Amino acid sequence: MREVIEQAFKSYELTDAMDAAQVAVSRERVARYIDSLISAGQRDPLRLAEYARAYLKEIHEGPDPRFTGW
């Protein structure tokens, strides 16, 4: 799981703009999210990394308006 989280953070472009506290909180939230996906049966590391990146984006940039119905 650690590799999945690291891959997601490396590919998320706004990580450099975040302070250490934001990164720590984000890592914890993403870890819980990935853990819940794994416990639900998702095992593909590439797909988990994709979900982690999408979750990071939603946390820091808000939901994608194309999928919120607005």
PDB file of N, CA and C in Angstrom:
ATOM      1  N   MET A   1       0.824  -1.189   0.000  1.00  0.00           N
ATOM      2  CA  MET A   1       0.000   0.000   0.000  1.00  0.00           C
ATOM      3  C   MET A   1       0.869   1.255   0.000  1.00  0.00           C
ATOM      4  N   ARG A   2       1.986   1.210   0.668  1.00  0.00           N
ATOM      5  CA  ARG A   2       2.869   2.371   0.741  1.00  0.00           C
ATOM      6  C   ARG A   2       3.335   2.810  -0.645  1.00  0.00           C
ATOM      7  N   GLU A   3       3.632   1.829  -1.508  1.00  0.00           N
ATOM      8  CA  GLU A   3       4.090   2.144  -2.861  1.00  0.00           C
ATOM      9  C   GLU A   3       2.994   2.852  -3.655  1.00  0.00           C
ATOM     10  N   VAL A   4       1.760   2.413  -3.468  1.00  0.00           N
ATOM     11  CA  VAL A   4       0.620   3.029  -4.155  1.00  0.00           C
ATOM     12  C   VAL A   4       0.487   4.488  -3.737  1.00  0.00           C
ATOM     13  N   ILE A   5       0.593   4.743  -2.456  1.00  0.00           N
ATOM     14  CA  ILE A   5       0.470   6.114  -1.942  1.00  0.00           C
ATOM     15  C   ILE A   5       1.615   6.980  -2.442  1.00  0.00           C
ATOM     16  N   GLU A   6       2.826   6.457  -2.418  1.00  0.00           N
ATOM     17  CA  GLU A   6       3.974   7.216  -2.909  1.00  0.00           C
ATOM     18  C   GLU A   6       3.829   7.558  -4.385  1.00  0.00           C
ATOM     19  N   GLN A   7       3.373   6.597  -5.167  1.00  0.00           N
ATOM     20  CA  GLN A   7       3.171   6.822  -6.595  1.00  0.00           C
ATOM     21  C   GLN A   7       2.138   7.924  -6.826  1.00  0.00           C
ATOM     22  N   ALA A   8       1.068   7.900  -6.063  1.00  0.00           N
ATOM     23  CA  ALA A   8       0.024   8.920  -6.207  1.00  0.00           C
ATOM     24  C   ALA A   8       0.553  10.303  -5.853  1.00  0.00           C
ATOM     25  N   PHE A   9       1.305  10.401  -4.771  1.00  0.00           N
ATOM     26  CA  PHE A   9       1.836  11.704  -4.363  1.00  0.00           C
ATOM     27  C   PHE A   9       2.881  12.212  -5.339  1.00  0.00           C
ATOM     28  N   LYS A  10       3.681  11.339  -5.902  1.00  0.00           N
ATOM     29  CA  LYS A  10       4.689  11.768  -6.880  1.00  0.00           C
ATOM     30  C   LYS A  10       4.046  12.324  -8.135  1.00  0.00           C
ATOM     31  N   SER A  11       2.916  11.776  -8.525  1.00  0.00           N
ATOM     32  CA  SER A  11       2.273  12.225  -9.757  1.00  0.00           C
ATOM     33  C   SER A  11       1.284  13.367  -9.537  1.00  0.00           C
ATOM     34  N   TYR A  12       0.974  13.683  -8.281  1.00  0.00           N
ATOM     35  CA  TYR A  12       0.055  14.788  -8.003  1.00  0.00           C
ATOM     36  C   TYR A  12       0.832  16.096  -8.033  1.00  0.00           C
ATOM     37  N   GLU A  13       0.485  16.966  -8.958  1.00  0.00           N
ATOM     38  CA  GLU A  13       1.287  18.154  -9.226  1.00  0.00           C
ATOM     39  C   GLU A  13       1.283  19.205  -8.135  1.00  0.00           C
ATOM     40  N   LEU A  14       0.259  19.268  -7.323  1.00  0.00           N
ATOM     41  CA  LEU A  14       0.176  20.328  -6.310  1.00  0.00           C
ATOM     42  C   LEU A  14       0.844  19.972  -4.993  1.00  0.00           C
ATOM     43  N   THR A  15       1.503  18.827  -4.914  1.00  0.00           N
ATOM     44  CA  THR A  15       2.158  18.430  -3.672  1.00  0.00           C
ATOM     45  C   THR A  15       3.214  19.443  -3.252  1.00  0.00           C
ATOM     46  N   ASP A  16       3.935  20.028  -4.218  1.00  0.00           N
ATOM     47  CA  ASP A  16       4.975  20.999  -3.888  1.00  0.00           C
ATOM     48  C   ASP A  16       4.416  22.259  -3.235  1.00  0.00           C
ATOM     49  N   ALA A  17       3.177  22.586  -3.524  1.00  0.00           N
ATOM     50  CA  ALA A  17       2.554  23.785  -2.962  1.00  0.00           C
ATOM     51  C   ALA A  17       1.984  23.545  -1.563  1.00  0.00           C
ATOM     52  N   MET A  18       1.991  22.298  -1.109  1.00  0.00           N
ATOM     53  CA  MET A  18       1.428  21.966   0.196  1.00  0.00           C
ATOM     54  C   MET A  18       2.512  22.010   1.263  1.00  0.00           C
ATOM     55  N   ASP A  19       2.139  22.438   2.475  1.00  0.00           N
ATOM     56  CA  ASP A  19       3.101  22.403   3.568  1.00  0.00           C
ATOM     57  C   ASP A  19       3.139  20.992   4.167  1.00  0.00           C
ATOM     58  N   ALA A  20       4.075  20.761   5.073  1.00  0.00           N
ATOM     59  CA  ALA A  20       4.283  19.419   5.635  1.00  0.00           C
ATOM     60  C   ALA A  20       3.050  18.897   6.364  1.00  0.00           C
ATOM     61  N   ALA A  21       2.342  19.769   7.051  1.00  0.00           N
ATOM     62  CA  ALA A  21       1.139  19.339   7.770  1.00  0.00           C
ATOM     63  C   ALA A  21       0.052  18.889   6.800  1.00  0.00           C
ATOM     64  N   GLN A  22      -0.130  19.632   5.704  1.00  0.00           N
ATOM     65  CA  GLN A  22      -1.121  19.250   4.704  1.00  0.00           C
ATOM     66  C   GLN A  22      -0.767  17.907   4.067  1.00  0.00           C
ATOM     67  N   VAL A  23       0.505  17.709   3.787  1.00  0.00           N
ATOM     68  CA  VAL A  23       0.945  16.451   3.190  1.00  0.00           C
ATOM     69  C   VAL A  23       0.673  15.293   4.154  1.00  0.00           C
ATOM     70  N   ALA A  24       0.975  15.487   5.427  1.00  0.00           N
ATOM     71  CA  ALA A  24       0.766  14.430   6.422  1.00  0.00           C
ATOM     72  C   ALA A  24      -0.720  14.069   6.544  1.00  0.00           C
ATOM     73  N   VAL A  25      -1.574  15.075   6.604  1.00  0.00           N
ATOM     74  CA  VAL A  25      -3.015  14.829   6.706  1.00  0.00           C
ATOM     75  C   VAL A  25      -3.515  14.143   5.438  1.00  0.00           C
ATOM     76  N   SER A  26      -3.050  14.597   4.308  1.00  0.00           N
ATOM     77  CA  SER A  26      -3.468  14.006   3.037  1.00  0.00           C
ATOM     78  C   SER A  26      -3.022  12.551   2.941  1.00  0.00           C
ATOM     79  N   ARG A  27      -1.798  12.264   3.365  1.00  0.00           N
ATOM     80  CA  ARG A  27      -1.304  10.885   3.343  1.00  0.00           C
ATOM     81  C   ARG A  27      -2.178   9.979   4.207  1.00  0.00           C
ATOM     82  N   GLU A  28      -2.552  10.462   5.368  1.00  0.00           N
ATOM     83  CA  GLU A  28      -3.397   9.674   6.267  1.00  0.00           C
ATOM     84  C   GLU A  28      -4.765   9.413   5.638  1.00  0.00           C
ATOM     85  N   ARG A  29      -5.344  10.448   5.058  1.00  0.00           N
ATOM     86  CA  ARG A  29      -6.662  10.280   4.426  1.00  0.00           C
ATOM     87  C   ARG A  29      -6.594   9.323   3.244  1.00  0.00           C
ATOM     88  N   VAL A  30      -5.561   9.459   2.416  1.00  0.00           N
ATOM     89  CA  VAL A  30      -5.417   8.579   1.261  1.00  0.00           C
ATOM     90  C   VAL A  30      -5.161   7.150   1.724  1.00  0.00           C
ATOM     91  N   ALA A  31      -4.362   6.976   2.763  1.00  0.00           N
ATOM     92  CA  ALA A  31      -4.086   5.632   3.285  1.00  0.00           C
ATOM     93  C   ALA A  31      -5.378   4.961   3.754  1.00  0.00           C
ATOM     94  N   ARG A  32      -6.225   5.702   4.457  1.00  0.00           N
ATOM     95  CA  ARG A  32      -7.507   5.131   4.900  1.00  0.00           C
ATOM     96  C   ARG A  32      -8.393   4.776   3.713  1.00  0.00           C
ATOM     97  N   TYR A  33      -8.395   5.647   2.705  1.00  0.00           N
ATOM     98  CA  TYR A  33      -9.204   5.409   1.514  1.00  0.00           C
ATOM     99  C   TYR A  33      -8.720   4.158   0.776  1.00  0.00           C
ATOM    100  N   ILE A  34      -7.421   4.049   0.562  1.00  0.00           N
ATOM    101  CA  ILE A  34      -6.853   2.886  -0.128  1.00  0.00           C
ATOM    102  C   ILE A  34      -7.101   1.624   0.691  1.00  0.00           C
ATOM    103  N   ASP A  35      -6.963   1.728   1.986  1.00  0.00           N
ATOM    104  CA  ASP A  35      -7.225   0.575   2.856  1.00  0.00           C
ATOM    105  C   ASP A  35      -8.670   0.098   2.710  1.00  0.00           C
ATOM    106  N   SER A  36      -9.610   1.034   2.605  1.00  0.00           N
ATOM    107  CA  SER A  36     -11.005   0.640   2.432  1.00  0.00           C
ATOM    108  C   SER A  36     -11.229  -0.013   1.070  1.00  0.00           C
ATOM    109  N   LEU A  37     -10.540   0.463   0.034  1.00  0.00           N
ATOM    110  CA  LEU A  37     -10.653  -0.163  -1.281  1.00  0.00           C
ATOM    111  C   LEU A  37     -10.082  -1.580  -1.271  1.00  0.00           C
ATOM    112  N   ILE A  38      -8.954  -1.745  -0.591  1.00  0.00           N
ATOM    113  CA  ILE A  38      -8.338  -3.071  -0.499  1.00  0.00           C
ATOM    114  C   ILE A  38      -9.251  -4.020   0.263  1.00  0.00           C
ATOM    115  N   SER A  39      -9.841  -3.540   1.350  1.00  0.00           N
ATOM    116  CA  SER A  39     -10.727  -4.412   2.133  1.00  0.00           C
ATOM    117  C   SER A  39     -12.005  -4.758   1.362  1.00  0.00           C
ATOM    118  N   ALA A  40     -12.341  -3.934   0.363  1.00  0.00           N
ATOM    119  CA  ALA A  40     -13.505  -4.220  -0.481  1.00  0.00           C
ATOM    120  C   ALA A  40     -13.155  -5.139  -1.651  1.00  0.00           C
ATOM    121  N   GLY A  41     -11.873  -5.522  -1.746  1.00  0.00           N
ATOM    122  CA  GLY A  41     -11.478  -6.491  -2.768  1.00  0.00           C
ATOM    123  C   GLY A  41     -10.645  -5.942  -3.907  1.00  0.00           C
ATOM    124  N   GLN A  42     -10.407  -4.642  -3.943  1.00  0.00           N
ATOM    125  CA  GLN A  42      -9.583  -4.060  -5.008  1.00  0.00           C
ATOM    126  C   GLN A  42      -8.117  -4.368  -4.734  1.00  0.00           C
ATOM    127  N   ARG A  43      -7.444  -5.006  -5.671  1.00  0.00           N
ATOM    128  CA  ARG A  43      -6.054  -5.410  -5.445  1.00  0.00           C
ATOM    129  C   ARG A  43      -5.071  -4.888  -6.490  1.00  0.00           C
ATOM    130  N   ASP A  44      -5.562  -4.392  -7.613  1.00  0.00           N
ATOM    131  CA  ASP A  44      -4.688  -3.949  -8.699  1.00  0.00           C
ATOM    132  C   ASP A  44      -3.948  -2.673  -8.298  1.00  0.00           C
ATOM    133  N   PRO A  45      -2.616  -2.716  -8.174  1.00  0.00           N
ATOM    134  CA  PRO A  45      -1.860  -1.544  -7.724  1.00  0.00           C
ATOM    135  C   PRO A  45      -1.989  -0.337  -8.655  1.00  0.00           C
ATOM    136  N   LEU A  46      -2.088  -0.577  -9.951  1.00  0.00           N
ATOM    137  CA  LEU A  46      -2.233   0.547 -10.884  1.00  0.00           C
ATOM    138  C   LEU A  46      -3.584   1.239 -10.706  1.00  0.00           C
ATOM    139  N   ARG A  47      -4.606   0.460 -10.547  1.00  0.00           N
ATOM    140  CA  ARG A  47      -5.936   1.032 -10.334  1.00  0.00           C
ATOM    141  C   ARG A  47      -6.006   1.738  -8.975  1.00  0.00           C
ATOM    142  N   LEU A  48      -5.397   1.153  -7.951  1.00  0.00           N
ATOM    143  CA  LEU A  48      -5.381   1.791  -6.636  1.00  0.00           C
ATOM    144  C   LEU A  48      -4.658   3.134  -6.694  1.00  0.00           C
ATOM    145  N   ALA A  49      -3.554   3.197  -7.428  1.00  0.00           N
ATOM    146  CA  ALA A  49      -2.821   4.455  -7.573  1.00  0.00           C
ATOM    147  C   ALA A  49      -3.666   5.493  -8.305  1.00  0.00           C
ATOM    148  N   GLU A  50      -4.400   5.059  -9.313  1.00  0.00           N
ATOM    149  CA  GLU A  50      -5.284   5.959 -10.048  1.00  0.00           C
ATOM    150  C   GLU A  50      -6.372   6.505  -9.125  1.00  0.00           C
ATOM    151  N   TYR A  51      -6.955   5.635  -8.319  1.00  0.00           N
ATOM    152  CA  TYR A  51      -7.973   6.075  -7.360  1.00  0.00           C
ATOM    153  C   TYR A  51      -7.376   7.031  -6.326  1.00  0.00           C
ATOM    154  N   ALA A  52      -6.161   6.752  -5.895  1.00  0.00           N
ATOM    155  CA  ALA A  52      -5.505   7.618  -4.909  1.00  0.00           C
ATOM    156  C   ALA A  52      -5.263   9.006  -5.484  1.00  0.00           C
ATOM    157  N   ARG A  53      -4.810   9.090  -6.736  1.00  0.00           N
ATOM    158  CA  ARG A  53      -4.605  10.390  -7.375  1.00  0.00           C
ATOM    159  C   ARG A  53      -5.919  11.154  -7.507  1.00  0.00           C
ATOM    160  N   ALA A  54      -6.969  10.458  -7.898  1.00  0.00           N
ATOM    161  CA  ALA A  54      -8.280  11.108  -8.029  1.00  0.00           C
ATOM    162  C   ALA A  54      -8.771  11.610  -6.671  1.00  0.00           C
ATOM    163  N   TYR A  55      -8.536  10.825  -5.631  1.00  0.00           N
ATOM    164  CA  TYR A  55      -8.949  11.228  -4.289  1.00  0.00           C
ATOM    165  C   TYR A  55      -8.154  12.444  -3.817  1.00  0.00           C
ATOM    166  N   LEU A  56      -6.858  12.456  -4.086  1.00  0.00           N
ATOM    167  CA  LEU A  56      -6.036  13.624  -3.745  1.00  0.00           C
ATOM    168  C   LEU A  56      -6.560  14.871  -4.441  1.00  0.00           C
ATOM    169  N   LYS A  57      -6.867  14.734  -5.711  1.00  0.00           N
ATOM    170  CA  LYS A  57      -7.375  15.870  -6.464  1.00  0.00           C
ATOM    171  C   LYS A  57      -8.687  16.365  -5.872  1.00  0.00           C
ATOM    172  N   GLU A  58      -9.557  15.450  -5.516  1.00  0.00           N
ATOM    173  CA  GLU A  58     -10.837  15.849  -4.930  1.00  0.00           C
ATOM    174  C   GLU A  58     -10.647  16.525  -3.578  1.00  0.00           C
ATOM    175  N   ILE A  59      -9.719  16.024  -2.773  1.00  0.00           N
ATOM    176  CA  ILE A  59      -9.453  16.625  -1.465  1.00  0.00           C
ATOM    177  C   ILE A  59      -8.995  18.068  -1.614  1.00  0.00           C
ATOM    178  N   HIS A  60      -8.072  18.316  -2.547  1.00  0.00           N
ATOM    179  CA  HIS A  60      -7.416  19.626  -2.628  1.00  0.00           C
ATOM    180  C   HIS A  60      -8.009  20.570  -3.668  1.00  0.00           C
ATOM    181  N   GLU A  61      -8.729  20.040  -4.627  1.00  0.00           N
ATOM    182  CA  GLU A  61      -9.265  20.895  -5.680  1.00  0.00           C
ATOM    183  C   GLU A  61     -10.784  20.876  -5.739  1.00  0.00           C
ATOM    184  N   GLY A  62     -11.404  20.012  -4.950  1.00  0.00           N
ATOM    185  CA  GLY A  62     -12.850  19.891  -4.967  1.00  0.00           C
ATOM    186  C   GLY A  62     -13.297  18.859  -5.990  1.00  0.00           C
ATOM    187  N   PRO A  63     -14.577  18.497  -5.945  1.00  0.00           N
ATOM    188  CA  PRO A  63     -15.076  17.484  -6.874  1.00  0.00           C
ATOM    189  C   PRO A  63     -15.119  18.012  -8.302  1.00  0.00           C
ATOM    190  N   ASP A  64     -14.986  17.120  -9.240  1.00  0.00           N
ATOM    191  CA  ASP A  64     -15.059  17.463 -10.657  1.00  0.00           C
ATOM    192  C   ASP A  64     -16.503  17.821 -10.989  1.00  0.00           C
ATOM    193  N   PRO A  65     -16.756  19.026 -11.462  1.00  0.00           N
ATOM    194  CA  PRO A  65     -18.139  19.452 -11.720  1.00  0.00           C
ATOM    195  C   PRO A  65     -18.833  18.620 -12.811  1.00  0.00           C
ATOM    196  N   ARG A  66     -18.063  17.944 -13.642  1.00  0.00           N
ATOM    197  CA  ARG A  66     -18.678  17.098 -14.669  1.00  0.00           C
ATOM    198  C   ARG A  66     -19.437  15.939 -14.058  1.00  0.00           C
ATOM    199  N   PHE A  67     -19.068  15.559 -12.831  1.00  0.00           N
ATOM    200  CA  PHE A  67     -19.669  14.372 -12.213  1.00  0.00           C
ATOM    201  C   PHE A  67     -20.490  14.681 -10.970  1.00  0.00           C
ATOM    202  N   THR A  68     -20.721  15.959 -10.691  1.00  0.00           N
ATOM    203  CA  THR A  68     -21.485  16.307  -9.498  1.00  0.00           C
ATOM    204  C   THR A  68     -22.927  16.695  -9.804  1.00  0.00           C
ATOM    205  N   GLY A  69     -23.247  16.844 -11.072  1.00  0.00           N
ATOM    206  CA  GLY A  69     -24.593  17.207 -11.439  1.00  0.00           C
ATOM    207  C   GLY A  69     -24.846  18.705 -11.452  1.00  0.00           C
ATOM    208  N   TRP A  70     -23.815  19.502 -11.315  1.00  0.00           N
ATOM    209  CA  TRP A  70     -23.984  20.963 -11.320  1.00  0.00           C
ATOM    210  C   TRP A  70     -23.621  21.526 -12.652  1.00  0.00           C
TER     211      TRP A  70
END
